Amino acid sequence: MAAHMDRDTANIIAAGIAIQAQNYGKYETASGVMMSAPALALEGSIGIGKSSIIEAMLDYWEYYYELIQVSQQEPEAASGFPKVVAMTIGKVKEFVTALIPAEWVGNLKQAMSNSKYKGVALIADEMSEAPRRTQLAYQGPLLNRMFGRIRLVGLATIAIFNPPAISTTNGSFSVAVANRFCMLFDFKVSFKEWRRGMLEGFGPPPVVKLPKDWQKSIRIAMEYIMLYLEQNPRMVQATEEEILEREEAWKPIYTRRSWTHGAILWAAAQAAGCDQQVQHLLLAGCVGEKASQDFFHWKERLKLGDASEYLTDDWLKNGEFKNNQGDVVSATVAMVSMYYMRNKTPKTFMRMLRFIEKCADLKWEGIAVSYINSLDLFSPSSLPKGISPKDWKEVVCPIMSKFPDFIQQSGIAEHL
């Protein structure tokens, strides 16, 4: 990944990460709490290729998608048109009113059970050109993937709109709705790419593929963000006064819900190896520009160093954490864990096990166990290619002796 890519390319890569993250449906935490990636919203001026970029991306990935012009849709198209139908209840035939969604909803449902598609998406174009009533009718289905009585879990939804100042209706999202999207602003193809496309034809857009087990990074990202919020409690939930003071009240702002969404997409960007510019765009798209900048500045002030240095032979043998305070150690272990998820090889697997063992030697057993759970490190199913169950057992058994309580609670002993 380029260290200093232009904003337009970073925005396209960020959009690709946000679309893929939605296709995996919901993720369950260790405590049973369900979390899901937010819907995506793209804002950009007229005629600069917003829809074309997304269509090219989905074509490249072999997705099935429906592109609808929301400004030309009836409000009932998403929630369902009322229709009187005959229904037999027991031996009695009755006439009831049912909600029948538009044809494209049925197409999406059918595509989701078709194995030839790598994913399924809905592009809701011209959101800000639609009447307010139609906008309201589409916000719910885009956010919760519920079309009448049809729920499409794992459907990627993308809303596309022009800046409110130049839209037909001056329409925009409310803060409450923006709080549930990941919003990417000034979305367009660069002039250089547009020129090349016009002269030579448009090729596939710059995209990054999410690894299959990227969801394991979600809990790690959540721990990182919770650590930041514990130290900066004023950033947990914006007040109504703060919202009213803003000039652009339709853009996202930090709340407990948007931090959850931000953690999911930050985890996805980390797992995909995206640089900090893309990470910032995704987090800012959920919690707002100011909150995202503050988070990354806080992260830099911790001065944790480079993740890879904690997996070198010197550190694993004689090293100490740069700061032995609990919050800094927790952030360091989270950073190293994210590095491991991006570089999951037999070598880094063995070194990660030794790193966890070193945490116990330095009296940080609780933090070590937290990340054992997050990464599923001590499970045979998590082995990278090149590590046999025999190798795993020979390495894990000596390390596990340092976590006797964890052995009893996790049930891992049955694999040893």
Protein backbone atom coordinates (compact mmCIF):
# COMPACT_ATOMS: atom_id res chain seq x y z
CA MET A 1 0.00 0.00 0.00
CA ALA A 2 1.39 3.42 -0.96
CA ALA A 3 2.50 5.50 2.00
CA HIS A 4 1.15 8.78 0.61
CA MET A 5 -1.70 8.01 -1.78
CA ASP A 6 -4.02 10.78 -2.93
CA ARG A 7 -7.29 11.41 -1.09
CA ASP A 8 -9.45 10.10 -3.94
CA THR A 9 -7.67 6.73 -4.03
CA ALA A 10 -7.80 6.44 -0.24
CA ASN A 11 -11.55 7.14 -0.34
CA ILE A 12 -12.12 4.40 -2.93
CA ILE A 13 -10.12 1.86 -0.91
CA ALA A 14 -12.01 2.86 2.25
CA ALA A 15 -15.33 2.37 0.44
CA GLY A 16 -14.23 -1.09 -0.67
CA ILE A 17 -13.38 -2.09 2.90
CA ALA A 18 -16.73 -0.77 4.18
CA ILE A 19 -18.67 -2.70 1.51
CA GLN A 20 -16.90 -6.00 2.20
CA ALA A 21 -17.33 -5.65 5.96
CA GLN A 22 -21.11 -5.52 5.54
CA ASN A 23 -21.25 -8.78 3.59
CA TYR A 24 -20.20 -10.82 6.60
CA GLY A 25 -23.43 -10.08 8.47
CA LYS A 26 -23.22 -9.85 12.25
CA TYR A 27 -20.41 -10.66 14.66
CA GLU A 28 -20.91 -12.04 18.14
CA THR A 29 -18.64 -11.00 20.99
CA ALA A 30 -17.52 -13.32 23.78
CA SER A 31 -20.38 -11.99 25.93
CA GLY A 32 -22.97 -12.62 23.23
CA VAL A 33 -23.42 -9.00 22.12
CA MET A 34 -24.19 -8.74 18.39
CA MET A 35 -22.42 -6.11 16.30
CA SER A 36 -22.64 -5.40 12.56
CA ALA A 37 -20.81 -3.17 10.12
CA PRO A 38 -22.66 0.05 9.26
CA ALA A 39 -24.20 0.94 5.93
CA LEU A 40 -22.04 3.11 3.65
CA ALA A 41 -22.93 6.62 2.45
CA LEU A 42 -20.96 8.49 -0.22
CA GLU A 43 -21.20 12.25 -0.66
CA GLY A 44 -19.75 14.03 -3.66
CA SER A 45 -20.52 16.68 -6.25
CA ILE A 46 -22.55 16.01 -9.39
CA GLY A 47 -21.09 14.08 -12.32
CA ILE A 48 -17.81 13.01 -10.74
CA GLY A 49 -18.29 9.24 -11.01
CA LYS A 50 -19.61 8.16 -7.59
CA SER A 51 -21.97 5.49 -8.92
CA SER A 52 -19.59 4.41 -11.69
CA ILE A 53 -16.78 3.77 -9.22
CA ILE A 54 -18.98 1.60 -7.00
CA GLU A 55 -20.39 -0.33 -9.98
CA ALA A 56 -16.87 -0.98 -11.31
CA MET A 57 -15.80 -2.19 -7.87
CA LEU A 58 -18.74 -4.59 -7.55
CA ASP A 59 -18.27 -5.89 -11.10
CA TYR A 60 -14.61 -6.55 -10.36
CA TRP A 61 -15.55 -8.55 -7.24
CA GLU A 62 -18.27 -10.49 -9.12
CA TYR A 63 -21.05 -9.17 -6.89
CA TYR A 64 -24.70 -9.12 -7.79
CA TYR A 65 -26.14 -5.64 -7.23
CA GLU A 66 -29.21 -3.56 -7.87
CA LEU A 67 -28.77 0.14 -8.68
CA ILE A 68 -31.91 2.14 -7.97
CA GLN A 69 -32.54 5.84 -8.44
CA VAL A 70 -34.23 6.73 -5.16
CA SER A 71 -35.55 9.99 -6.59
CA GLN A 72 -37.65 7.93 -9.05
CA GLN A 73 -38.91 5.37 -6.52
CA GLU A 74 -42.16 5.31 -4.58
CA PRO A 75 -41.70 5.26 -0.77
CA GLU A 76 -43.47 1.89 -0.62
CA ALA A 77 -40.99 0.20 -2.99
CA ALA A 78 -38.63 -0.64 -0.12
CA SER A 79 -41.15 -1.36 2.64
CA GLY A 80 -43.71 -3.06 0.39
CA PHE A 81 -46.88 -2.10 -1.52
CA PRO A 82 -50.10 -3.12 0.28
CA LYS A 83 -51.99 -5.85 -1.56
CA VAL A 84 -55.01 -7.90 -0.56
CA VAL A 85 -54.24 -11.62 -0.84
CA ALA A 86 -56.16 -14.82 -0.04
CA MET A 87 -54.82 -16.89 2.85
CA THR A 88 -56.14 -20.17 4.23
CA ILE A 89 -55.99 -20.38 8.02
CA GLY A 90 -56.99 -23.89 9.07
CA LYS A 91 -59.98 -24.58 6.83
CA VAL A 92 -61.06 -20.96 6.62
CA LYS A 93 -60.12 -18.81 3.64
CA GLU A 94 -59.52 -15.20 4.58
CA PHE A 95 -58.43 -12.09 2.76
CA VAL A 96 -55.59 -10.18 4.38
CA THR A 97 -53.41 -7.21 3.47
CA ALA A 98 -49.81 -8.15 2.74
CA LEU A 99 -46.82 -5.90 1.91
CA ILE A 100 -45.24 -6.79 -1.43
CA PRO A 101 -41.79 -5.18 -1.95
CA ALA A 102 -40.56 -4.06 -5.35
CA GLU A 103 -39.18 -6.58 -7.85
CA TRP A 104 -35.58 -5.59 -7.15
CA VAL A 105 -35.95 -6.68 -3.50
CA GLY A 106 -36.88 -10.17 -4.69
CA ASN A 107 -33.90 -10.13 -7.05
CA LEU A 108 -31.57 -9.33 -4.17
CA LYS A 109 -33.04 -12.11 -2.03
CA GLN A 110 -32.65 -14.65 -4.82
CA ALA A 111 -29.06 -13.57 -5.52
CA MET A 112 -28.09 -14.07 -1.88
CA SER A 113 -28.74 -17.80 -2.19
CA ASN A 114 -26.86 -18.07 -5.50
CA SER A 115 -23.33 -19.38 -4.97
CA LYS A 116 -22.01 -17.89 -8.20
CA TYR A 117 -22.00 -14.40 -6.65
CA LYS A 118 -19.20 -13.40 -4.27
CA GLY A 119 -21.50 -10.89 -2.57
CA VAL A 120 -24.73 -8.93 -2.96
CA ALA A 121 -25.22 -5.16 -2.73
CA LEU A 122 -27.86 -2.46 -3.08
CA ILE A 123 -26.84 0.96 -4.44
CA ALA A 124 -29.36 3.67 -3.54
CA ASP A 125 -28.41 6.55 -5.84
CA GLU A 126 -29.66 10.16 -5.79
CA MET A 127 -30.74 10.02 -2.15
CA SER A 128 -30.63 13.80 -1.76
CA GLU A 129 -32.68 14.36 -4.92
CA ALA A 130 -35.66 12.38 -3.60
CA PRO A 131 -38.58 13.97 -1.73
CA ARG A 132 -38.15 13.91 2.03
CA ARG A 133 -40.86 11.27 2.47
CA THR A 134 -39.05 8.92 0.07
CA GLN A 135 -35.70 9.55 1.77
CA LEU A 136 -37.24 8.60 5.11
CA ALA A 137 -38.74 5.42 3.63
CA TYR A 138 -35.35 4.26 2.38
CA GLN A 139 -33.23 5.09 5.40
CA GLY A 140 -34.59 2.21 7.49
CA PRO A 141 -34.08 -0.56 4.88
CA LEU A 142 -30.59 0.72 4.08
CA LEU A 143 -29.61 0.65 7.74
CA ASN A 144 -31.23 -2.56 8.98
CA ARG A 145 -31.55 -4.49 5.66
CA MET A 146 -35.26 -5.04 6.35
CA PHE A 147 -37.55 -4.68 3.31
CA GLY A 148 -41.11 -5.13 4.51
CA ARG A 149 -40.94 -8.57 6.10
CA ILE A 150 -37.85 -9.62 4.16
CA ARG A 151 -34.55 -9.38 6.07
CA LEU A 152 -31.40 -9.67 3.96
CA VAL A 153 -28.60 -10.36 6.44
CA GLY A 154 -25.18 -9.75 4.89
CA LEU A 155 -26.49 -7.41 2.19
CA ALA A 156 -24.13 -4.48 1.54
CA THR A 157 -26.04 -1.20 1.24
CA ILE A 158 -24.60 1.98 -0.26
CA ALA A 159 -26.35 5.36 -0.30
CA ILE A 160 -25.08 7.98 -2.74
CA PHE A 161 -25.98 11.67 -2.51
CA ASN A 162 -24.94 15.13 -3.63
CA PRO A 163 -23.97 17.84 -1.13
CA PRO A 164 -27.15 19.26 0.42
CA ALA A 165 -26.35 22.78 -0.80
CA ILE A 166 -26.65 21.75 -4.48
CA SER A 167 -29.23 18.98 -4.24
CA THR A 168 -32.70 19.40 -5.70
CA THR A 169 -34.43 19.27 -2.34
CA ASN A 170 -31.55 20.44 -0.12
CA GLY A 171 -32.06 17.03 1.46
CA SER A 172 -29.56 15.52 3.86
CA PHE A 173 -29.43 12.97 6.63
CA SER A 174 -30.37 13.89 10.16
CA VAL A 175 -27.69 13.46 12.83
CA ALA A 176 -29.52 10.43 14.21
CA VAL A 177 -29.39 8.74 10.80
CA ALA A 178 -25.85 9.86 9.95
CA ASN A 179 -24.81 8.32 13.24
CA ARG A 180 -25.65 4.87 11.81
CA PHE A 181 -23.76 5.20 8.51
CA CYS A 182 -20.11 5.29 7.63
CA MET A 183 -20.00 8.47 5.54
CA LEU A 184 -17.19 9.22 3.07
CA PHE A 185 -17.08 12.78 1.79
CA ASP A 186 -15.89 14.44 -1.44
CA PHE A 187 -16.00 11.03 -3.12
CA LYS A 188 -14.76 11.07 -6.73
CA VAL A 189 -12.28 9.64 -9.18
CA SER A 190 -9.13 11.76 -9.56
CA PHE A 191 -8.65 13.85 -12.71
CA LYS A 192 -5.68 11.66 -13.68
CA GLU A 193 -7.77 8.48 -13.50
CA TRP A 194 -10.73 10.15 -15.19
CA ARG A 195 -8.49 11.33 -18.05
CA ARG A 196 -6.99 7.85 -18.46
CA GLY A 197 -10.42 6.27 -18.40
CA MET A 198 -11.81 8.64 -21.01
CA LEU A 199 -8.88 8.02 -23.36
CA GLU A 200 -8.13 4.34 -22.70
CA GLY A 201 -11.16 2.93 -20.92
CA PHE A 202 -11.79 2.49 -17.20
CA GLY A 203 -10.10 -0.46 -15.56
CA PRO A 204 -10.86 -1.99 -12.14
CA PRO A 205 -10.70 0.53 -9.29
CA PRO A 206 -8.03 0.26 -6.57
CA VAL A 207 -9.42 -2.25 -4.08
CA VAL A 208 -8.06 -4.22 -1.14
CA LYS A 209 -9.42 -7.65 -0.23
CA LEU A 210 -10.36 -8.40 3.36
CA PRO A 211 -8.77 -11.59 4.77
CA LYS A 212 -11.21 -14.35 5.73
CA ASP A 213 -10.63 -14.22 9.48
CA TRP A 214 -10.52 -10.45 9.80
CA GLN A 215 -13.41 -10.48 12.30
CA LYS A 216 -10.98 -11.69 14.98
CA SER A 217 -9.53 -8.18 14.94
CA ILE A 218 -12.82 -6.58 15.99
CA ARG A 219 -12.47 -7.32 19.69
CA ILE A 220 -8.85 -6.12 19.64
CA ALA A 221 -9.88 -2.85 17.98
CA MET A 222 -12.70 -2.49 20.48
CA GLU A 223 -10.28 -2.92 23.41
CA TYR A 224 -8.04 -0.24 21.91
CA ILE A 225 -10.90 2.22 21.48
CA MET A 226 -12.34 1.49 24.94
CA LEU A 227 -8.92 2.25 26.43
CA TYR A 228 -8.92 5.59 24.61
CA LEU A 229 -12.46 6.42 25.77
CA GLU A 230 -11.68 5.51 29.38
CA GLN A 231 -8.89 8.08 29.31
CA ASN A 232 -10.95 10.60 27.34
CA PRO A 233 -14.50 10.26 28.73
CA ARG A 234 -15.64 13.53 27.13
CA MET A 235 -15.38 11.79 23.73
CA VAL A 236 -17.80 8.96 24.53
CA GLN A 237 -21.08 10.66 23.64
CA ALA A 238 -21.68 14.04 22.03
CA THR A 239 -24.21 16.27 23.77
CA GLU A 240 -27.18 17.89 22.06
CA GLU A 241 -25.51 21.27 22.57
CA GLU A 242 -22.40 20.08 20.72
CA ILE A 243 -24.54 18.87 17.82
CA LEU A 244 -26.45 22.16 17.59
CA GLU A 245 -23.20 24.18 17.62
CA ARG A 246 -21.87 22.46 14.51
CA GLU A 247 -22.23 24.14 11.13
CA GLU A 248 -22.84 20.82 9.32
CA ALA A 249 -25.23 19.02 11.64
CA TRP A 250 -25.92 16.27 9.08
CA LYS A 251 -22.44 14.75 9.31
CA PRO A 252 -21.56 11.92 11.73
CA ILE A 253 -20.48 12.61 15.29
CA TYR A 254 -19.15 10.44 18.08
CA THR A 255 -21.67 8.42 20.08
CA ARG A 256 -21.56 5.00 21.70
CA ARG A 257 -23.10 3.47 18.59
CA SER A 258 -20.80 5.19 16.12
CA TRP A 259 -17.71 4.17 18.15
CA THR A 260 -18.88 0.55 17.83
CA HIS A 261 -19.22 0.95 14.06
CA GLY A 262 -15.88 2.72 13.90
CA ALA A 263 -14.15 -0.10 15.77
CA ILE A 264 -15.51 -2.69 13.32
CA LEU A 265 -14.30 -0.78 10.26
CA TRP A 266 -10.99 0.16 11.87
CA ALA A 267 -10.45 -3.55 12.60
CA ALA A 268 -11.23 -4.36 8.96
CA ALA A 269 -8.80 -1.71 7.68
CA GLN A 270 -6.07 -2.96 10.02
CA ALA A 271 -6.61 -6.59 8.99
CA ALA A 272 -6.42 -5.60 5.31
CA GLY A 273 -3.12 -3.77 5.89
CA CYS A 274 -4.49 -0.33 4.94
CA ASP A 275 -2.43 2.72 5.86
CA GLN A 276 -3.48 5.28 8.47
CA GLN A 277 -5.06 7.59 5.88
CA VAL A 278 -7.63 4.91 4.97
CA GLN A 279 -8.07 3.97 8.64
CA HIS A 280 -8.77 7.62 9.48
CA LEU A 281 -11.32 8.02 6.66
CA LEU A 282 -13.28 5.01 7.90
CA LEU A 283 -13.17 5.99 11.57
CA ALA A 284 -13.99 9.63 10.77
CA GLY A 285 -16.86 8.39 8.59
CA CYS A 286 -18.41 6.92 11.74
CA VAL A 287 -17.43 9.25 14.61
CA GLY A 288 -16.57 12.49 12.81
CA GLU A 289 -13.34 14.13 11.76
CA LYS A 290 -12.44 15.67 15.11
CA ALA A 291 -12.96 12.50 17.15
CA SER A 292 -10.96 10.39 14.71
CA GLN A 293 -8.06 12.85 14.69
CA ASP A 294 -8.08 12.94 18.49
CA PHE A 295 -7.99 9.13 18.67
CA PHE A 296 -5.03 8.80 16.31
CA HIS A 297 -3.16 11.64 18.07
CA TRP A 298 -3.71 9.84 21.39
CA LYS A 299 -2.44 6.60 19.83
CA GLU A 300 0.72 8.36 18.63
CA ARG A 301 1.31 9.94 22.06
CA LEU A 302 1.48 6.49 23.65
CA LYS A 303 4.77 5.99 21.78
CA LEU A 304 4.36 2.24 21.63
CA GLY A 305 7.02 1.75 18.99
CA ASP A 306 6.90 -0.64 16.08
CA ALA A 307 4.82 -3.80 16.54
CA SER A 308 7.34 -6.07 14.86
CA GLU A 309 10.09 -5.23 17.38
CA TYR A 310 8.12 -7.02 20.10
CA LEU A 311 8.38 -10.25 18.12
CA THR A 312 12.16 -10.21 17.69
CA ASP A 313 14.41 -12.73 19.46
CA ASP A 314 16.03 -10.00 21.58
CA TRP A 315 12.75 -8.70 22.98
CA LEU A 316 11.24 -12.15 23.47
CA LYS A 317 14.31 -13.14 25.47
CA ASN A 318 15.18 -10.04 27.51
CA GLY A 319 12.74 -7.30 26.56
CA GLU A 320 10.48 -5.10 28.69
CA PHE A 321 7.50 -2.96 27.72
CA LYS A 322 8.49 0.63 27.03
CA ASN A 323 6.04 1.74 29.67
CA ASN A 324 4.96 -0.77 32.29
CA GLN A 325 1.61 0.85 33.06
CA GLY A 326 -1.47 -1.30 32.51
CA ASP A 327 -3.14 0.88 29.87
CA VAL A 328 0.04 1.18 27.80
CA VAL A 329 0.74 -2.55 28.08
CA SER A 330 -2.81 -3.32 26.96
CA ALA A 331 -2.45 -0.99 23.97
CA THR A 332 0.92 -2.56 23.12
CA VAL A 333 -0.48 -6.10 23.21
CA ALA A 334 -3.41 -4.96 21.05
CA MET A 335 -0.99 -3.40 18.55
CA VAL A 336 1.14 -6.56 18.36
CA SER A 337 -2.00 -8.69 18.00
CA MET A 338 -3.19 -6.59 15.06
CA TYR A 339 0.26 -6.91 13.49
CA TYR A 340 0.05 -10.69 13.85
CA MET A 341 -3.39 -10.78 12.18
CA ARG A 342 -1.93 -8.94 9.17
CA ASN A 343 1.14 -11.21 9.03
CA LYS A 344 -0.22 -14.62 9.96
CA THR A 345 2.57 -17.06 9.05
CA PRO A 346 4.07 -20.07 10.88
CA LYS A 347 6.97 -17.88 12.01
CA THR A 348 4.81 -15.06 13.40
CA PHE A 349 2.46 -17.62 14.97
CA MET A 350 5.30 -19.16 16.97
CA ARG A 351 6.62 -15.74 17.93
CA MET A 352 3.14 -14.58 18.95
CA LEU A 353 2.85 -17.55 21.31
CA ARG A 354 6.21 -16.65 22.82
CA PHE A 355 5.08 -13.02 23.11
CA ILE A 356 1.99 -14.07 25.07
CA GLU A 357 4.22 -16.23 27.28
CA LYS A 358 6.49 -13.22 27.85
CA CYS A 359 3.46 -11.18 28.95
CA ALA A 360 2.82 -13.77 31.66
CA ASP A 361 6.48 -13.69 32.72
CA LEU A 362 6.14 -9.91 33.12
CA LYS A 363 3.05 -10.40 35.33
CA TRP A 364 0.47 -9.36 32.74
CA GLU A 365 -1.45 -12.67 32.68
CA GLY A 366 -4.88 -11.02 32.54
CA ILE A 367 -4.08 -8.96 29.47
CA ALA A 368 -2.40 -11.96 27.83
CA VAL A 369 -5.46 -14.15 28.37
CA SER A 370 -7.73 -11.42 26.95
CA TYR A 371 -5.86 -11.55 23.67
CA ILE A 372 -5.58 -15.33 23.69
CA ASN A 373 -9.39 -15.25 23.59
CA SER A 374 -9.49 -12.54 20.93
CA LEU A 375 -7.13 -14.29 18.53
CA ASP A 376 -8.16 -17.86 19.32
CA LEU A 377 -4.43 -18.57 19.48
CA PHE A 378 -4.66 -21.76 21.50
CA SER A 379 -7.19 -23.46 19.25
CA PRO A 380 -6.07 -25.98 16.61
CA SER A 381 -8.57 -24.46 14.17
CA SER A 382 -6.66 -21.17 14.16
CA LEU A 383 -3.38 -22.64 12.90
CA PRO A 384 -1.80 -20.93 9.90
CA LYS A 385 -0.80 -23.10 6.98
CA GLY A 386 2.49 -24.87 7.66
CA ILE A 387 1.82 -25.63 11.36
CA SER A 388 0.74 -29.20 12.08
CA PRO A 389 -1.38 -30.17 15.12
CA LYS A 390 1.70 -31.98 16.45
CA ASP A 391 3.81 -28.80 16.18
CA TRP A 392 1.02 -26.84 17.83
CA LYS A 393 0.79 -29.25 20.76
CA GLU A 394 4.55 -29.24 21.37
CA VAL A 395 4.64 -25.44 21.49
CA VAL A 396 1.37 -24.75 23.29
CA CYS A 397 1.63 -27.24 26.16
CA PRO A 398 4.60 -25.55 27.91
CA ILE A 399 3.04 -22.09 27.47
CA MET A 400 -0.36 -23.16 28.72
CA SER A 401 1.12 -24.18 32.06
CA LYS A 402 1.40 -20.45 32.81
CA PHE A 403 -2.37 -19.97 32.45
CA PRO A 404 -3.94 -22.69 34.66
CA ASP A 405 -7.18 -20.76 35.26
CA PHE A 406 -7.61 -20.13 31.57
CA ILE A 407 -7.12 -23.87 30.84
CA GLN A 408 -9.98 -24.77 33.17
CA GLN A 409 -12.38 -22.08 31.96
CA SER A 410 -11.78 -22.37 28.22
CA GLY A 411 -11.98 -26.14 27.80
CA ILE A 412 -8.77 -26.02 25.80
CA ALA A 413 -7.33 -28.91 27.84
CA GLU A 414 -9.34 -31.43 25.83
CA HIS A 415 -7.27 -30.57 22.75
CA LEU A 416 -3.92 -31.11 24.53
